[in-house]
Amino acid sequence: IHENIPEASEQNKDAIAVVIGNRFYKKTKNVEFAINDALAIRTYLIKTLGFKDGNIFYIENASQSDFMTYFGVKGNYRGKLFNAVKKMENW
């Protein structure tokens, strides 16, 4: 999965992604491969789908406060993701 990654022919300069790899959990079993999988997804977003590195929010072992930071909170959805998205014309 980490070898021979297809290369994008075009850049996807406006695309934004949030990649979360949670390995550790309090109330269930840990997921040993979660960080590895998240890194692989991040690599594919950049190399294969043409995402800009700066347009990927990558979080390992996200806490509740991380989710609130990126996605906002009830009554205020203006987290980092909201602030990163540009209003698209003709939508």
PDB file of N, CA and C in Angstrom:
ATOM      1  N   ILE A   1       0.822  -1.195   0.000  1.00  0.00           N
ATOM      2  CA  ILE A   1       0.000   0.000   0.000  1.00  0.00           C
ATOM      3  C   ILE A   1       0.868   1.262   0.000  1.00  0.00           C
ATOM      4  N   HIS A   2       2.089   1.155   0.508  1.00  0.00           N
ATOM      5  CA  HIS A   2       2.980   2.319   0.563  1.00  0.00           C
ATOM      6  C   HIS A   2       3.938   2.376  -0.619  1.00  0.00           C
ATOM      7  N   GLU A   3       3.814   1.436  -1.546  1.00  0.00           N
ATOM      8  CA  GLU A   3       4.702   1.389  -2.697  1.00  0.00           C
ATOM      9  C   GLU A   3       3.898   1.573  -3.975  1.00  0.00           C
ATOM     10  N   ASN A   4       4.560   2.099  -4.997  1.00  0.00           N
ATOM     11  CA  ASN A   4       3.942   2.298  -6.314  1.00  0.00           C
ATOM     12  C   ASN A   4       2.643   3.081  -6.230  1.00  0.00           C
ATOM     13  N   ILE A   5       2.676   4.159  -5.501  1.00  0.00           N
ATOM     14  CA  ILE A   5       1.489   5.003  -5.339  1.00  0.00           C
ATOM     15  C   ILE A   5       1.279   5.789  -6.631  1.00  0.00           C
ATOM     16  N   PRO A   6       0.088   5.703  -7.214  1.00  0.00           N
ATOM     17  CA  PRO A   6      -0.170   6.443  -8.462  1.00  0.00           C
ATOM     18  C   PRO A   6      -0.003   7.947  -8.246  1.00  0.00           C
ATOM     19  N   GLU A   7       0.504   8.620  -9.275  1.00  0.00           N
ATOM     20  CA  GLU A   7       0.726  10.059  -9.211  1.00  0.00           C
ATOM     21  C   GLU A   7      -0.399  10.797  -9.929  1.00  0.00           C
ATOM     22  N   ALA A   8      -0.858  11.889  -9.329  1.00  0.00           N
ATOM     23  CA  ALA A   8      -1.914  12.709  -9.926  1.00  0.00           C
ATOM     24  C   ALA A   8      -1.360  13.454 -11.140  1.00  0.00           C
ATOM     25  N   SER A   9      -2.187  13.592 -12.153  1.00  0.00           N
ATOM     26  CA  SER A   9      -1.774  14.362 -13.321  1.00  0.00           C
ATOM     27  C   SER A   9      -2.161  15.834 -13.164  1.00  0.00           C
ATOM     28  N   GLU A  10      -3.070  16.109 -12.249  1.00  0.00           N
ATOM     29  CA  GLU A  10      -3.508  17.478 -11.992  1.00  0.00           C
ATOM     30  C   GLU A  10      -3.514  17.745 -10.499  1.00  0.00           C
ATOM     31  N   GLN A  11      -3.366  19.002 -10.150  1.00  0.00           N
ATOM     32  CA  GLN A  11      -3.452  19.410  -8.752  1.00  0.00           C
ATOM     33  C   GLN A  11      -4.913  19.694  -8.406  1.00  0.00           C
ATOM     34  N   ASN A  12      -5.283  19.369  -7.221  1.00  0.00           N
ATOM     35  CA  ASN A  12      -6.629  19.588  -6.721  1.00  0.00           C
ATOM     36  C   ASN A  12      -6.520  20.680  -5.653  1.00  0.00           C
ATOM     37  N   LYS A  13      -6.152  21.881  -6.096  1.00  0.00           N
ATOM     38  CA  LYS A  13      -5.711  22.947  -5.191  1.00  0.00           C
ATOM     39  C   LYS A  13      -6.760  23.415  -4.195  1.00  0.00           C
ATOM     40  N   ASP A  14      -8.025  23.248  -4.484  1.00  0.00           N
ATOM     41  CA  ASP A  14      -9.071  23.720  -3.573  1.00  0.00           C
ATOM     42  C   ASP A  14      -9.635  22.628  -2.669  1.00  0.00           C
ATOM     43  N   ALA A  15      -9.190  21.408  -2.856  1.00  0.00           N
ATOM     44  CA  ALA A  15      -9.704  20.297  -2.055  1.00  0.00           C
ATOM     45  C   ALA A  15      -9.161  20.364  -0.629  1.00  0.00           C
ATOM     46  N   ILE A  16     -10.011  20.012   0.315  1.00  0.00           N
ATOM     47  CA  ILE A  16      -9.641  20.022   1.727  1.00  0.00           C
ATOM     48  C   ILE A  16     -10.048  18.686   2.331  1.00  0.00           C
ATOM     49  N   ALA A  17      -9.203  18.175   3.226  1.00  0.00           N
ATOM     50  CA  ALA A  17      -9.511  16.904   3.874  1.00  0.00           C
ATOM     51  C   ALA A  17      -9.139  16.960   5.347  1.00  0.00           C
ATOM     52  N   VAL A  18      -9.838  16.166   6.115  1.00  0.00           N
ATOM     53  CA  VAL A  18      -9.489  15.937   7.513  1.00  0.00           C
ATOM     54  C   VAL A  18      -9.196  14.448   7.630  1.00  0.00           C
ATOM     55  N   VAL A  19      -7.996  14.118   8.082  1.00  0.00           N
ATOM     56  CA  VAL A  19      -7.593  12.729   8.261  1.00  0.00           C
ATOM     57  C   VAL A  19      -7.298  12.532   9.744  1.00  0.00           C
ATOM     58  N   ILE A  20      -7.998  11.590  10.344  1.00  0.00           N
ATOM     59  CA  ILE A  20      -7.838  11.321  11.773  1.00  0.00           C
ATOM     60  C   ILE A  20      -7.445   9.863  11.958  1.00  0.00           C
ATOM     61  N   GLY A  21      -6.355   9.654  12.663  1.00  0.00           N
ATOM     62  CA  GLY A  21      -5.911   8.302  13.005  1.00  0.00           C
ATOM     63  C   GLY A  21      -5.885   8.147  14.515  1.00  0.00           C
ATOM     64  N   ASN A  22      -6.857   7.455  15.042  1.00  0.00           N
ATOM     65  CA  ASN A  22      -6.917   7.243  16.499  1.00  0.00           C
ATOM     66  C   ASN A  22      -6.477   5.823  16.825  1.00  0.00           C
ATOM     67  N   ARG A  23      -5.355   5.724  17.497  1.00  0.00           N
ATOM     68  CA  ARG A  23      -4.826   4.432  17.901  1.00  0.00           C
ATOM     69  C   ARG A  23      -5.297   4.046  19.298  1.00  0.00           C
ATOM     70  N   PHE A  24      -5.412   5.033  20.169  1.00  0.00           N
ATOM     71  CA  PHE A  24      -5.715   4.764  21.568  1.00  0.00           C
ATOM     72  C   PHE A  24      -7.153   5.141  21.913  1.00  0.00           C
ATOM     73  N   TYR A  25      -7.800   4.272  22.661  1.00  0.00           N
ATOM     74  CA  TYR A  25      -9.170   4.493  23.107  1.00  0.00           C
ATOM     75  C   TYR A  25      -9.286   4.140  24.584  1.00  0.00           C
ATOM     76  N   LYS A  26     -10.180   4.817  25.277  1.00  0.00           N
ATOM     77  CA  LYS A  26     -10.379   4.542  26.697  1.00  0.00           C
ATOM     78  C   LYS A  26     -11.341   3.386  26.933  1.00  0.00           C
ATOM     79  N   LYS A  27     -12.379   3.271  26.101  1.00  0.00           N
ATOM     80  CA  LYS A  27     -13.446   2.311  26.379  1.00  0.00           C
ATOM     81  C   LYS A  27     -13.520   1.155  25.392  1.00  0.00           C
ATOM     82  N   THR A  28     -12.511   1.001  24.572  1.00  0.00           N
ATOM     83  CA  THR A  28     -12.479  -0.127  23.645  1.00  0.00           C
ATOM     84  C   THR A  28     -11.021  -0.465  23.356  1.00  0.00           C
ATOM     85  N   LYS A  29     -10.810  -1.492  22.572  1.00  0.00           N
ATOM     86  CA  LYS A  29      -9.442  -1.917  22.266  1.00  0.00           C
ATOM     87  C   LYS A  29      -8.729  -0.877  21.394  1.00  0.00           C
ATOM     88  N   ASN A  30      -7.436  -0.772  21.596  1.00  0.00           N
ATOM     89  CA  ASN A  30      -6.619   0.106  20.767  1.00  0.00           C
ATOM     90  C   ASN A  30      -6.540  -0.450  19.349  1.00  0.00           C
ATOM     91  N   VAL A  31      -6.260   0.417  18.411  1.00  0.00           N
ATOM     92  CA  VAL A  31      -6.154   0.031  17.005  1.00  0.00           C
ATOM     93  C   VAL A  31      -4.703   0.271  16.583  1.00  0.00           C
ATOM     94  N   GLU A  32      -3.910  -0.780  16.609  1.00  0.00           N
ATOM     95  CA  GLU A  32      -2.470  -0.665  16.392  1.00  0.00           C
ATOM     96  C   GLU A  32      -2.102  -0.064  15.026  1.00  0.00           C
ATOM     97  N   PHE A  33      -2.898  -0.304  14.008  1.00  0.00           N
ATOM     98  CA  PHE A  33      -2.567   0.126  12.652  1.00  0.00           C
ATOM     99  C   PHE A  33      -3.198   1.465  12.261  1.00  0.00           C
ATOM    100  N   ALA A  34      -3.897   2.123  13.158  1.00  0.00           N
ATOM    101  CA  ALA A  34      -4.659   3.336  12.815  1.00  0.00           C
ATOM    102  C   ALA A  34      -3.766   4.477  12.319  1.00  0.00           C
ATOM    103  N   ILE A  35      -2.643   4.707  12.953  1.00  0.00           N
ATOM    104  CA  ILE A  35      -1.760   5.801  12.538  1.00  0.00           C
ATOM    105  C   ILE A  35      -1.162   5.488  11.180  1.00  0.00           C
ATOM    106  N   ASN A  36      -0.745   4.256  10.978  1.00  0.00           N
ATOM    107  CA  ASN A  36      -0.201   3.836   9.687  1.00  0.00           C
ATOM    108  C   ASN A  36      -1.228   4.049   8.572  1.00  0.00           C
ATOM    109  N   ASP A  37      -2.475   3.667   8.825  1.00  0.00           N
ATOM    110  CA  ASP A  37      -3.538   3.849   7.833  1.00  0.00           C
ATOM    111  C   ASP A  37      -3.794   5.323   7.546  1.00  0.00           C
ATOM    112  N   ALA A  38      -3.814   6.137   8.589  1.00  0.00           N
ATOM    113  CA  ALA A  38      -4.044   7.570   8.401  1.00  0.00           C
ATOM    114  C   ALA A  38      -2.927   8.195   7.582  1.00  0.00           C
ATOM    115  N   LEU A  39      -1.691   7.807   7.849  1.00  0.00           N
ATOM    116  CA  LEU A  39      -0.559   8.321   7.064  1.00  0.00           C
ATOM    117  C   LEU A  39      -0.670   7.889   5.600  1.00  0.00           C
ATOM    118  N   ALA A  40      -1.113   6.652   5.368  1.00  0.00           N
ATOM    119  CA  ALA A  40      -1.284   6.173   3.995  1.00  0.00           C
ATOM    120  C   ALA A  40      -2.356   6.984   3.264  1.00  0.00           C
ATOM    121  N   ILE A  41      -3.465   7.252   3.938  1.00  0.00           N
ATOM    122  CA  ILE A  41      -4.534   8.053   3.331  1.00  0.00           C
ATOM    123  C   ILE A  41      -4.016   9.444   2.995  1.00  0.00           C
ATOM    124  N   ARG A  42      -3.274  10.048   3.909  1.00  0.00           N
ATOM    125  CA  ARG A  42      -2.706  11.384   3.679  1.00  0.00           C
ATOM    126  C   ARG A  42      -1.792  11.369   2.451  1.00  0.00           C
ATOM    127  N   THR A  43      -0.960  10.347   2.346  1.00  0.00           N
ATOM    128  CA  THR A  43      -0.056  10.220   1.200  1.00  0.00           C
ATOM    129  C   THR A  43      -0.840  10.093  -0.102  1.00  0.00           C
ATOM    130  N   TYR A  44      -1.882   9.275  -0.112  1.00  0.00           N
ATOM    131  CA  TYR A  44      -2.704   9.114  -1.310  1.00  0.00           C
ATOM    132  C   TYR A  44      -3.426  10.418  -1.682  1.00  0.00           C
ATOM    133  N   LEU A  45      -3.901  11.144  -0.695  1.00  0.00           N
ATOM    134  CA  LEU A  45      -4.550  12.425  -0.981  1.00  0.00           C
ATOM    135  C   LEU A  45      -3.599  13.357  -1.710  1.00  0.00           C
ATOM    136  N   ILE A  46      -2.364  13.392  -1.279  1.00  0.00           N
ATOM    137  CA  ILE A  46      -1.373  14.283  -1.892  1.00  0.00           C
ATOM    138  C   ILE A  46      -0.919  13.762  -3.244  1.00  0.00           C
ATOM    139  N   LYS A  47      -0.432  12.533  -3.278  1.00  0.00           N
ATOM    140  CA  LYS A  47       0.176  12.006  -4.500  1.00  0.00           C
ATOM    141  C   LYS A  47      -0.827  11.613  -5.570  1.00  0.00           C
ATOM    142  N   THR A  48      -1.909  10.958  -5.178  1.00  0.00           N
ATOM    143  CA  THR A  48      -2.846  10.413  -6.166  1.00  0.00           C
ATOM    144  C   THR A  48      -3.978  11.376  -6.497  1.00  0.00           C
ATOM    145  N   LEU A  49      -4.466  12.082  -5.497  1.00  0.00           N
ATOM    146  CA  LEU A  49      -5.608  12.971  -5.733  1.00  0.00           C
ATOM    147  C   LEU A  49      -5.212  14.427  -5.878  1.00  0.00           C
ATOM    148  N   GLY A  50      -3.933  14.750  -5.706  1.00  0.00           N
ATOM    149  CA  GLY A  50      -3.446  16.092  -5.976  1.00  0.00           C
ATOM    150  C   GLY A  50      -3.764  17.135  -4.928  1.00  0.00           C
ATOM    151  N   PHE A  51      -4.043  16.728  -3.698  1.00  0.00           N
ATOM    152  CA  PHE A  51      -4.311  17.692  -2.629  1.00  0.00           C
ATOM    153  C   PHE A  51      -3.023  18.426  -2.273  1.00  0.00           C
ATOM    154  N   LYS A  52      -3.147  19.686  -1.901  1.00  0.00           N
ATOM    155  CA  LYS A  52      -2.015  20.414  -1.360  1.00  0.00           C
ATOM    156  C   LYS A  52      -1.810  19.961   0.080  1.00  0.00           C
ATOM    157  N   ASP A  53      -0.557  19.787   0.460  1.00  0.00           N
ATOM    158  CA  ASP A  53      -0.237  19.334   1.810  1.00  0.00           C
ATOM    159  C   ASP A  53      -0.867  20.242   2.868  1.00  0.00           C
ATOM    160  N   GLY A  54      -0.849  21.535   2.626  1.00  0.00           N
ATOM    161  CA  GLY A  54      -1.400  22.496   3.576  1.00  0.00           C
ATOM    162  C   GLY A  54      -2.914  22.467   3.681  1.00  0.00           C
ATOM    163  N   ASN A  55      -3.581  21.744   2.788  1.00  0.00           N
ATOM    164  CA  ASN A  55      -5.044  21.644   2.813  1.00  0.00           C
ATOM    165  C   ASN A  55      -5.525  20.359   3.481  1.00  0.00           C
ATOM    166  N   ILE A  56      -4.609  19.654   4.109  1.00  0.00           N
ATOM    167  CA  ILE A  56      -4.975  18.423   4.813  1.00  0.00           C
ATOM    168  C   ILE A  56      -4.764  18.651   6.296  1.00  0.00           C
ATOM    169  N   PHE A  57      -5.844  18.525   7.042  1.00  0.00           N
ATOM    170  CA  PHE A  57      -5.757  18.574   8.501  1.00  0.00           C
ATOM    171  C   PHE A  57      -5.511  17.145   8.957  1.00  0.00           C
ATOM    172  N   TYR A  58      -4.343  16.886   9.481  1.00  0.00           N
ATOM    173  CA  TYR A  58      -3.949  15.541   9.899  1.00  0.00           C
ATOM    174  C   TYR A  58      -3.854  15.522  11.420  1.00  0.00           C
ATOM    175  N   ILE A  59      -4.602  14.606  12.049  1.00  0.00           N
ATOM    176  CA  ILE A  59      -4.646  14.548  13.512  1.00  0.00           C
ATOM    177  C   ILE A  59      -4.439  13.102  13.961  1.00  0.00           C
ATOM    178  N   GLU A  60      -3.505  12.915  14.868  1.00  0.00           N
ATOM    179  CA  GLU A  60      -3.306  11.597  15.470  1.00  0.00           C
ATOM    180  C   GLU A  60      -3.894  11.604  16.871  1.00  0.00           C
ATOM    181  N   ASN A  61      -4.601  10.538  17.196  1.00  0.00           N
ATOM    182  CA  ASN A  61      -5.199  10.366  18.518  1.00  0.00           C
ATOM    183  C   ASN A  61      -6.004  11.590  18.941  1.00  0.00           C
ATOM    184  N   ALA A  62      -6.959  11.938  18.102  1.00  0.00           N
ATOM    185  CA  ALA A  62      -7.780  13.130  18.321  1.00  0.00           C
ATOM    186  C   ALA A  62      -8.574  13.027  19.620  1.00  0.00           C
ATOM    187  N   SER A  63      -8.572  14.117  20.347  1.00  0.00           N
ATOM    188  CA  SER A  63      -9.364  14.217  21.571  1.00  0.00           C
ATOM    189  C   SER A  63     -10.670  14.933  21.253  1.00  0.00           C
ATOM    190  N   GLN A  64     -11.543  15.010  22.228  1.00  0.00           N
ATOM    191  CA  GLN A  64     -12.796  15.741  22.031  1.00  0.00           C
ATOM    192  C   GLN A  64     -12.502  17.203  21.695  1.00  0.00           C
ATOM    193  N   SER A  65     -11.512  17.779  22.334  1.00  0.00           N
ATOM    194  CA  SER A  65     -11.193  19.174  22.049  1.00  0.00           C
ATOM    195  C   SER A  65     -10.646  19.340  20.637  1.00  0.00           C
ATOM    196  N   ASP A  66      -9.939  18.338  20.111  1.00  0.00           N
ATOM    197  CA  ASP A  66      -9.494  18.388  18.709  1.00  0.00           C
ATOM    198  C   ASP A  66     -10.701  18.422  17.776  1.00  0.00           C
ATOM    199  N   PHE A  67     -11.690  17.566  18.054  1.00  0.00           N
ATOM    200  CA  PHE A  67     -12.891  17.564  17.214  1.00  0.00           C
ATOM    201  C   PHE A  67     -13.585  18.924  17.266  1.00  0.00           C
ATOM    202  N   MET A  68     -13.672  19.504  18.425  1.00  0.00           N
ATOM    203  CA  MET A  68     -14.302  20.822  18.557  1.00  0.00           C
ATOM    204  C   MET A  68     -13.478  21.892  17.834  1.00  0.00           C
ATOM    205  N   THR A  69     -12.173  21.796  17.913  1.00  0.00           N
ATOM    206  CA  THR A  69     -11.306  22.765  17.238  1.00  0.00           C
ATOM    207  C   THR A  69     -11.503  22.714  15.729  1.00  0.00           C
ATOM    208  N   TYR A  70     -11.587  21.529  15.175  1.00  0.00           N
ATOM    209  CA  TYR A  70     -11.687  21.385  13.720  1.00  0.00           C
ATOM    210  C   TYR A  70     -13.108  21.473  13.184  1.00  0.00           C
ATOM    211  N   PHE A  71     -14.094  20.976  13.930  1.00  0.00           N
ATOM    212  CA  PHE A  71     -15.464  20.910  13.436  1.00  0.00           C
ATOM    213  C   PHE A  71     -16.417  21.879  14.117  1.00  0.00           C
ATOM    214  N   GLY A  72     -15.962  22.574  15.140  1.00  0.00           N
ATOM    215  CA  GLY A  72     -16.815  23.490  15.877  1.00  0.00           C
ATOM    216  C   GLY A  72     -17.586  22.767  16.964  1.00  0.00           C
ATOM    217  N   VAL A  73     -18.487  23.500  17.577  1.00  0.00           N
ATOM    218  CA  VAL A  73     -19.286  22.961  18.678  1.00  0.00           C
ATOM    219  C   VAL A  73     -20.752  23.250  18.404  1.00  0.00           C
ATOM    220  N   LYS A  74     -21.616  22.625  19.169  1.00  0.00           N
ATOM    221  CA  LYS A  74     -23.042  22.861  19.022  1.00  0.00           C
ATOM    222  C   LYS A  74     -23.311  24.356  19.177  1.00  0.00           C
ATOM    223  N   GLY A  75     -23.980  24.917  18.206  1.00  0.00           N
ATOM    224  CA  GLY A  75     -24.282  26.335  18.229  1.00  0.00           C
ATOM    225  C   GLY A  75     -23.207  27.197  17.576  1.00  0.00           C
ATOM    226  N   ASN A  76     -22.021  26.622  17.326  1.00  0.00           N
ATOM    227  CA  ASN A  76     -20.956  27.363  16.639  1.00  0.00           C
ATOM    228  C   ASN A  76     -20.101  26.365  15.854  1.00  0.00           C
ATOM    229  N   TYR A  77     -20.452  26.165  14.606  1.00  0.00           N
ATOM    230  CA  TYR A  77     -19.781  25.200  13.743  1.00  0.00           C
ATOM    231  C   TYR A  77     -18.545  25.778  13.070  1.00  0.00           C
ATOM    232  N   ARG A  78     -18.118  26.940  13.466  1.00  0.00           N
ATOM    233  CA  ARG A  78     -17.009  27.616  12.798  1.00  0.00           C
ATOM    234  C   ARG A  78     -15.651  27.216  13.385  1.00  0.00           C
ATOM    235  N   GLY A  79     -15.296  25.973  13.148  1.00  0.00           N
ATOM    236  CA  GLY A  79     -13.981  25.489  13.547  1.00  0.00           C
ATOM    237  C   GLY A  79     -12.976  25.730  12.438  1.00  0.00           C
ATOM    238  N   LYS A  80     -11.817  25.129  12.552  1.00  0.00           N
ATOM    239  CA  LYS A  80     -10.758  25.305  11.551  1.00  0.00           C
ATOM    240  C   LYS A  80     -11.206  24.865  10.159  1.00  0.00           C
ATOM    241  N   LEU A  81     -11.978  23.790  10.083  1.00  0.00           N
ATOM    242  CA  LEU A  81     -12.444  23.321   8.779  1.00  0.00           C
ATOM    243  C   LEU A  81     -13.337  24.362   8.122  1.00  0.00           C
ATOM    244  N   PHE A  82     -14.266  24.927   8.857  1.00  0.00           N
ATOM    245  CA  PHE A  82     -15.143  25.964   8.325  1.00  0.00           C
ATOM    246  C   PHE A  82     -14.319  27.133   7.801  1.00  0.00           C
ATOM    247  N   ASN A  83     -13.331  27.546   8.568  1.00  0.00           N
ATOM    248  CA  ASN A  83     -12.517  28.692   8.181  1.00  0.00           C
ATOM    249  C   ASN A  83     -11.639  28.413   6.970  1.00  0.00           C
ATOM    250  N   ALA A  84     -11.346  27.151   6.703  1.00  0.00           N
ATOM    251  CA  ALA A  84     -10.493  26.803   5.576  1.00  0.00           C
ATOM    252  C   ALA A  84     -11.260  26.698   4.262  1.00  0.00           C
ATOM    253  N   VAL A  85     -12.564  26.489   4.337  1.00  0.00           N
ATOM    254  CA  VAL A  85     -13.371  26.285   3.134  1.00  0.00           C
ATOM    255  C   VAL A  85     -13.720  27.627   2.509  1.00  0.00           C
ATOM    256  N   LYS A  86     -13.447  27.747   1.227  1.00  0.00           N
ATOM    257  CA  LYS A  86     -13.795  28.960   0.485  1.00  0.00           C
ATOM    258  C   LYS A  86     -15.212  28.808  -0.057  1.00  0.00           C
ATOM    259  N   LYS A  87     -15.955  29.873  -0.041  1.00  0.00           N
ATOM    260  CA  LYS A  87     -17.282  29.841  -0.626  1.00  0.00           C
ATOM    261  C   LYS A  87     -17.137  29.686  -2.134  1.00  0.00           C
ATOM    262  N   MET A  88     -17.794  28.672  -2.666  1.00  0.00           N
ATOM    263  CA  MET A  88     -17.704  28.422  -4.097  1.00  0.00           C
ATOM    264  C   MET A  88     -18.829  29.137  -4.824  1.00  0.00           C
ATOM    265  N   GLU A  89     -18.484  29.807  -5.896  1.00  0.00           N
ATOM    266  CA  GLU A  89     -19.490  30.484  -6.698  1.00  0.00           C
ATOM    267  C   GLU A  89     -20.250  29.446  -7.533  1.00  0.00           C
ATOM    268  N   ASN A  90     -21.464  29.795  -7.903  1.00  0.00           N
ATOM    269  CA  ASN A  90     -22.316  28.941  -8.736  1.00  0.00           C
ATOM    270  C   ASN A  90     -22.685  27.632  -8.071  1.00  0.00           C
ATOM    271  N   TRP A  91     -22.746  27.592  -6.768  1.00  0.00           N
ATOM    272  CA  TRP A  91     -23.169  26.379  -6.064  1.00  0.00           C
ATOM    273  C   TRP A  91     -24.581  26.547  -5.662  1.00  0.00           C
TER     274      TRP A  91
END
